[in-house]
Amino acid sequence: MSREKRFSMWMTDREYEKLKIYAGSQSVSMAEVLRDYIKILTPPKGGDTTSHP
């Protein structure tokens, strides 16, 4: 799958360390952890994934 969008975010040192440790325990990148989480998100009611109320 081609990566077409870039996203950045701020997080605390603790959040970063938790993500880093979890990713390491799963032998995946931190980005892959977030991608996998996004895949399991339930679409909002109405099915519109392009806007936020």
PDB file of N, CA and C in Angstrom:
ATOM      1  N   MET A   1       0.849  -1.181   0.000  1.00  0.00           N
ATOM      2  CA  MET A   1       0.000   0.000   0.000  1.00  0.00           C
ATOM      3  C   MET A   1       0.890   1.239   0.000  1.00  0.00           C
ATOM      4  N   SER A   2       0.602   2.147  -0.875  1.00  0.00           N
ATOM      5  CA  SER A   2       1.342   3.397  -0.957  1.00  0.00           C
ATOM      6  C   SER A   2       0.936   4.339   0.171  1.00  0.00           C
ATOM      7  N   ARG A   3       1.906   4.953   0.796  1.00  0.00           N
ATOM      8  CA  ARG A   3       1.638   5.927   1.863  1.00  0.00           C
ATOM      9  C   ARG A   3       1.498   7.300   1.213  1.00  0.00           C
ATOM     10  N   GLU A   4       0.329   7.888   1.305  1.00  0.00           N
ATOM     11  CA  GLU A   4       0.067   9.153   0.628  1.00  0.00           C
ATOM     12  C   GLU A   4      -0.061  10.341   1.566  1.00  0.00           C
ATOM     13  N   LYS A   5      -0.283  10.088   2.826  1.00  0.00           N
ATOM     14  CA  LYS A   5      -0.493  11.173   3.786  1.00  0.00           C
ATOM     15  C   LYS A   5       0.527  11.074   4.908  1.00  0.00           C
ATOM     16  N   ARG A   6       0.895  12.220   5.451  1.00  0.00           N
ATOM     17  CA  ARG A   6       1.822  12.275   6.575  1.00  0.00           C
ATOM     18  C   ARG A   6       1.106  12.927   7.743  1.00  0.00           C
ATOM     19  N   PHE A   7       1.364  12.412   8.939  1.00  0.00           N
ATOM     20  CA  PHE A   7       0.715  12.898  10.149  1.00  0.00           C
ATOM     21  C   PHE A   7       1.771  13.029  11.235  1.00  0.00           C
ATOM     22  N   SER A   8       1.715  14.108  11.983  1.00  0.00           N
ATOM     23  CA  SER A   8       2.617  14.232  13.129  1.00  0.00           C
ATOM     24  C   SER A   8       1.804  14.671  14.331  1.00  0.00           C
ATOM     25  N   MET A   9       2.304  14.336  15.506  1.00  0.00           N
ATOM     26  CA  MET A   9       1.576  14.683  16.722  1.00  0.00           C
ATOM     27  C   MET A   9       2.555  14.887  17.864  1.00  0.00           C
ATOM     28  N   TRP A  10       2.100  15.632  18.837  1.00  0.00           N
ATOM     29  CA  TRP A  10       2.868  15.824  20.054  1.00  0.00           C
ATOM     30  C   TRP A  10       2.402  14.810  21.079  1.00  0.00           C
ATOM     31  N   MET A  11       3.352  14.293  21.873  1.00  0.00           N
ATOM     32  CA  MET A  11       3.005  13.392  22.970  1.00  0.00           C
ATOM     33  C   MET A  11       3.986  13.616  24.112  1.00  0.00           C
ATOM     34  N   THR A  12       3.580  13.196  25.275  1.00  0.00           N
ATOM     35  CA  THR A  12       4.448  13.332  26.438  1.00  0.00           C
ATOM     36  C   THR A  12       5.587  12.315  26.340  1.00  0.00           C
ATOM     37  N   ASP A  13       6.610  12.531  27.148  1.00  0.00           N
ATOM     38  CA  ASP A  13       7.710  11.569  27.203  1.00  0.00           C
ATOM     39  C   ASP A  13       7.190  10.193  27.610  1.00  0.00           C
ATOM     40  N   ARG A  14       6.259  10.166  28.546  1.00  0.00           N
ATOM     41  CA  ARG A  14       5.708   8.893  29.013  1.00  0.00           C
ATOM     42  C   ARG A  14       4.942   8.178  27.890  1.00  0.00           C
ATOM     43  N   GLU A  15       4.120   8.926  27.153  1.00  0.00           N
ATOM     44  CA  GLU A  15       3.385   8.328  26.035  1.00  0.00           C
ATOM     45  C   GLU A  15       4.352   7.771  24.987  1.00  0.00           C
ATOM     46  N   TYR A  16       5.391   8.545  24.694  1.00  0.00           N
ATOM     47  CA  TYR A  16       6.391   8.119  23.709  1.00  0.00           C
ATOM     48  C   TYR A  16       7.070   6.825  24.150  1.00  0.00           C
ATOM     49  N   GLU A  17       7.480   6.773  25.408  1.00  0.00           N
ATOM     50  CA  GLU A  17       8.155   5.582  25.923  1.00  0.00           C
ATOM     51  C   GLU A  17       7.233   4.365  25.910  1.00  0.00           C
ATOM     52  N   LYS A  18       5.970   4.564  26.276  1.00  0.00           N
ATOM     53  CA  LYS A  18       5.011   3.455  26.247  1.00  0.00           C
ATOM     54  C   LYS A  18       4.845   2.926  24.825  1.00  0.00           C
ATOM     55  N   LEU A  19       4.721   3.833  23.866  1.00  0.00           N
ATOM     56  CA  LEU A  19       4.575   3.431  22.467  1.00  0.00           C
ATOM     57  C   LEU A  19       5.828   2.711  21.982  1.00  0.00           C
ATOM     58  N   LYS A  20       6.985   3.251  22.317  1.00  0.00           N
ATOM     59  CA  LYS A  20       8.256   2.657  21.911  1.00  0.00           C
ATOM     60  C   LYS A  20       8.429   1.251  22.494  1.00  0.00           C
ATOM     61  N   ILE A  21       8.129   1.097  23.775  1.00  0.00           N
ATOM     62  CA  ILE A  21       8.252  -0.208  24.429  1.00  0.00           C
ATOM     63  C   ILE A  21       7.273  -1.212  23.824  1.00  0.00           C
ATOM     64  N   TYR A  22       6.032  -0.777  23.621  1.00  0.00           N
ATOM     65  CA  TYR A  22       5.037  -1.680  23.035  1.00  0.00           C
ATOM     66  C   TYR A  22       5.458  -2.109  21.632  1.00  0.00           C
ATOM     67  N   ALA A  23       5.874  -1.149  20.816  1.00  0.00           N
ATOM     68  CA  ALA A  23       6.296  -1.475  19.451  1.00  0.00           C
ATOM     69  C   ALA A  23       7.461  -2.459  19.475  1.00  0.00           C
ATOM     70  N   GLY A  24       8.414  -2.231  20.356  1.00  0.00           N
ATOM     71  CA  GLY A  24       9.549  -3.143  20.466  1.00  0.00           C
ATOM     72  C   GLY A  24       9.127  -4.542  20.878  1.00  0.00           C
ATOM     73  N   SER A  25       8.165  -4.623  21.789  1.00  0.00           N
ATOM     74  CA  SER A  25       7.706  -5.936  22.255  1.00  0.00           C
ATOM     75  C   SER A  25       6.984  -6.707  21.153  1.00  0.00           C
ATOM     76  N   GLN A  26       6.452  -5.977  20.170  1.00  0.00           N
ATOM     77  CA  GLN A  26       5.743  -6.597  19.048  1.00  0.00           C
ATOM     78  C   GLN A  26       6.623  -6.713  17.802  1.00  0.00           C
ATOM     79  N   SER A  27       7.854  -6.206  17.899  1.00  0.00           N
ATOM     80  CA  SER A  27       8.809  -6.204  16.773  1.00  0.00           C
ATOM     81  C   SER A  27       8.267  -5.471  15.550  1.00  0.00           C
ATOM     82  N   VAL A  28       7.614  -4.338  15.800  1.00  0.00           N
ATOM     83  CA  VAL A  28       7.113  -3.483  14.722  1.00  0.00           C
ATOM     84  C   VAL A  28       7.509  -2.042  15.026  1.00  0.00           C
ATOM     85  N   SER A  29       7.366  -1.179  14.042  1.00  0.00           N
ATOM     86  CA  SER A  29       7.669   0.234  14.252  1.00  0.00           C
ATOM     87  C   SER A  29       6.544   0.902  15.042  1.00  0.00           C
ATOM     88  N   MET A  30       6.866   2.044  15.613  1.00  0.00           N
ATOM     89  CA  MET A  30       5.836   2.801  16.324  1.00  0.00           C
ATOM     90  C   MET A  30       4.735   3.223  15.358  1.00  0.00           C
ATOM     91  N   ALA A  31       5.107   3.567  14.141  1.00  0.00           N
ATOM     92  CA  ALA A  31       4.111   3.946  13.136  1.00  0.00           C
ATOM     93  C   ALA A  31       3.171   2.783  12.834  1.00  0.00           C
ATOM     94  N   GLU A  32       3.720   1.568  12.790  1.00  0.00           N
ATOM     95  CA  GLU A  32       2.886   0.402  12.496  1.00  0.00           C
ATOM     96  C   GLU A  32       1.889   0.143  13.617  1.00  0.00           C
ATOM     97  N   VAL A  33       2.285   0.385  14.863  1.00  0.00           N
ATOM     98  CA  VAL A  33       1.354   0.245  15.987  1.00  0.00           C
ATOM     99  C   VAL A  33       0.163   1.174  15.776  1.00  0.00           C
ATOM    100  N   LEU A  34       0.443   2.429  15.416  1.00  0.00           N
ATOM    101  CA  LEU A  34      -0.638   3.397  15.210  1.00  0.00           C
ATOM    102  C   LEU A  34      -1.485   3.036  13.994  1.00  0.00           C
ATOM    103  N   ARG A  35      -0.848   2.588  12.909  1.00  0.00           N
ATOM    104  CA  ARG A  35      -1.612   2.168  11.726  1.00  0.00           C
ATOM    105  C   ARG A  35      -2.552   1.016  12.063  1.00  0.00           C
ATOM    106  N   ASP A  36      -2.042   0.039  12.820  1.00  0.00           N
ATOM    107  CA  ASP A  36      -2.877  -1.106  13.195  1.00  0.00           C
ATOM    108  C   ASP A  36      -4.058  -0.664  14.053  1.00  0.00           C
ATOM    109  N   TYR A  37      -3.833   0.284  14.955  1.00  0.00           N
ATOM    110  CA  TYR A  37      -4.926   0.782  15.790  1.00  0.00           C
ATOM    111  C   TYR A  37      -5.978   1.488  14.933  1.00  0.00           C
ATOM    112  N   ILE A  38      -5.535   2.309  14.010  1.00  0.00           N
ATOM    113  CA  ILE A  38      -6.465   3.031  13.138  1.00  0.00           C
ATOM    114  C   ILE A  38      -7.336   2.055  12.345  1.00  0.00           C
ATOM    115  N   LYS A  39      -6.756   0.935  11.929  1.00  0.00           N
ATOM    116  CA  LYS A  39      -7.504  -0.063  11.154  1.00  0.00           C
ATOM    117  C   LYS A  39      -8.686  -0.631  11.926  1.00  0.00           C
ATOM    118  N   ILE A  40      -8.590  -0.680  13.258  1.00  0.00           N
ATOM    119  CA  ILE A  40      -9.676  -1.278  14.044  1.00  0.00           C
ATOM    120  C   ILE A  40     -10.694  -0.258  14.548  1.00  0.00           C
ATOM    121  N   LEU A  41     -10.498   1.009  14.260  1.00  0.00           N
ATOM    122  CA  LEU A  41     -11.462   2.024  14.684  1.00  0.00           C
ATOM    123  C   LEU A  41     -12.801   1.808  13.996  1.00  0.00           C
ATOM    124  N   THR A  42     -13.865   2.008  14.730  1.00  0.00           N
ATOM    125  CA  THR A  42     -15.211   1.891  14.190  1.00  0.00           C
ATOM    126  C   THR A  42     -15.586   3.207  13.518  1.00  0.00           C
ATOM    127  N   PRO A  43     -16.091   3.158  12.278  1.00  0.00           N
ATOM    128  CA  PRO A  43     -16.505   4.402  11.618  1.00  0.00           C
ATOM    129  C   PRO A  43     -17.607   5.098  12.419  1.00  0.00           C
ATOM    130  N   PRO A  44     -17.644   6.422  12.363  1.00  0.00           N
ATOM    131  CA  PRO A  44     -18.709   7.140  13.065  1.00  0.00           C
ATOM    132  C   PRO A  44     -20.077   6.788  12.491  1.00  0.00           C
ATOM    133  N   LYS A  45     -21.115   6.980  13.289  1.00  0.00           N
ATOM    134  CA  LYS A  45     -22.477   6.719  12.804  1.00  0.00           C
ATOM    135  C   LYS A  45     -22.737   7.560  11.570  1.00  0.00           C
ATOM    136  N   GLY A  46     -23.389   6.981  10.597  1.00  0.00           N
ATOM    137  CA  GLY A  46     -23.659   7.669   9.342  1.00  0.00           C
ATOM    138  C   GLY A  46     -22.636   7.322   8.279  1.00  0.00           C
ATOM    139  N   GLY A  47     -21.517   6.717   8.689  1.00  0.00           N
ATOM    140  CA  GLY A  47     -20.522   6.264   7.737  1.00  0.00           C
ATOM    141  C   GLY A  47     -19.626   7.334   7.162  1.00  0.00           C
ATOM    142  N   ASP A  48     -19.790   8.595   7.543  1.00  0.00           N
ATOM    143  CA  ASP A  48     -18.962   9.669   6.995  1.00  0.00           C
ATOM    144  C   ASP A  48     -17.635   9.706   7.737  1.00  0.00           C
ATOM    145  N   THR A  49     -16.553   9.360   7.037  1.00  0.00           N
ATOM    146  CA  THR A  49     -15.224   9.369   7.656  1.00  0.00           C
ATOM    147  C   THR A  49     -14.408  10.581   7.236  1.00  0.00           C
ATOM    148  N   THR A  50     -15.031  11.529   6.529  1.00  0.00           N
ATOM    149  CA  THR A  50     -14.275  12.659   6.000  1.00  0.00           C
ATOM    150  C   THR A  50     -14.350  13.904   6.855  1.00  0.00           C
ATOM    151  N   SER A  51     -15.263  13.946   7.805  1.00  0.00           N
ATOM    152  CA  SER A  51     -15.390  15.159   8.617  1.00  0.00           C
ATOM    153  C   SER A  51     -15.591  14.795  10.073  1.00  0.00           C
ATOM    154  N   HIS A  52     -15.398  15.769  10.914  1.00  0.00           N
ATOM    155  CA  HIS A  52     -15.560  15.585  12.358  1.00  0.00           C
ATOM    156  C   HIS A  52     -16.567  16.609  12.849  1.00  0.00           C
ATOM    157  N   PRO A  53     -17.560  16.172  13.616  1.00  0.00           N
ATOM    158  CA  PRO A  53     -18.595  17.121  14.067  1.00  0.00           C
ATOM    159  C   PRO A  53     -18.063  18.218  14.951  1.00  0.00           C
TER     160      PRO A  53
END
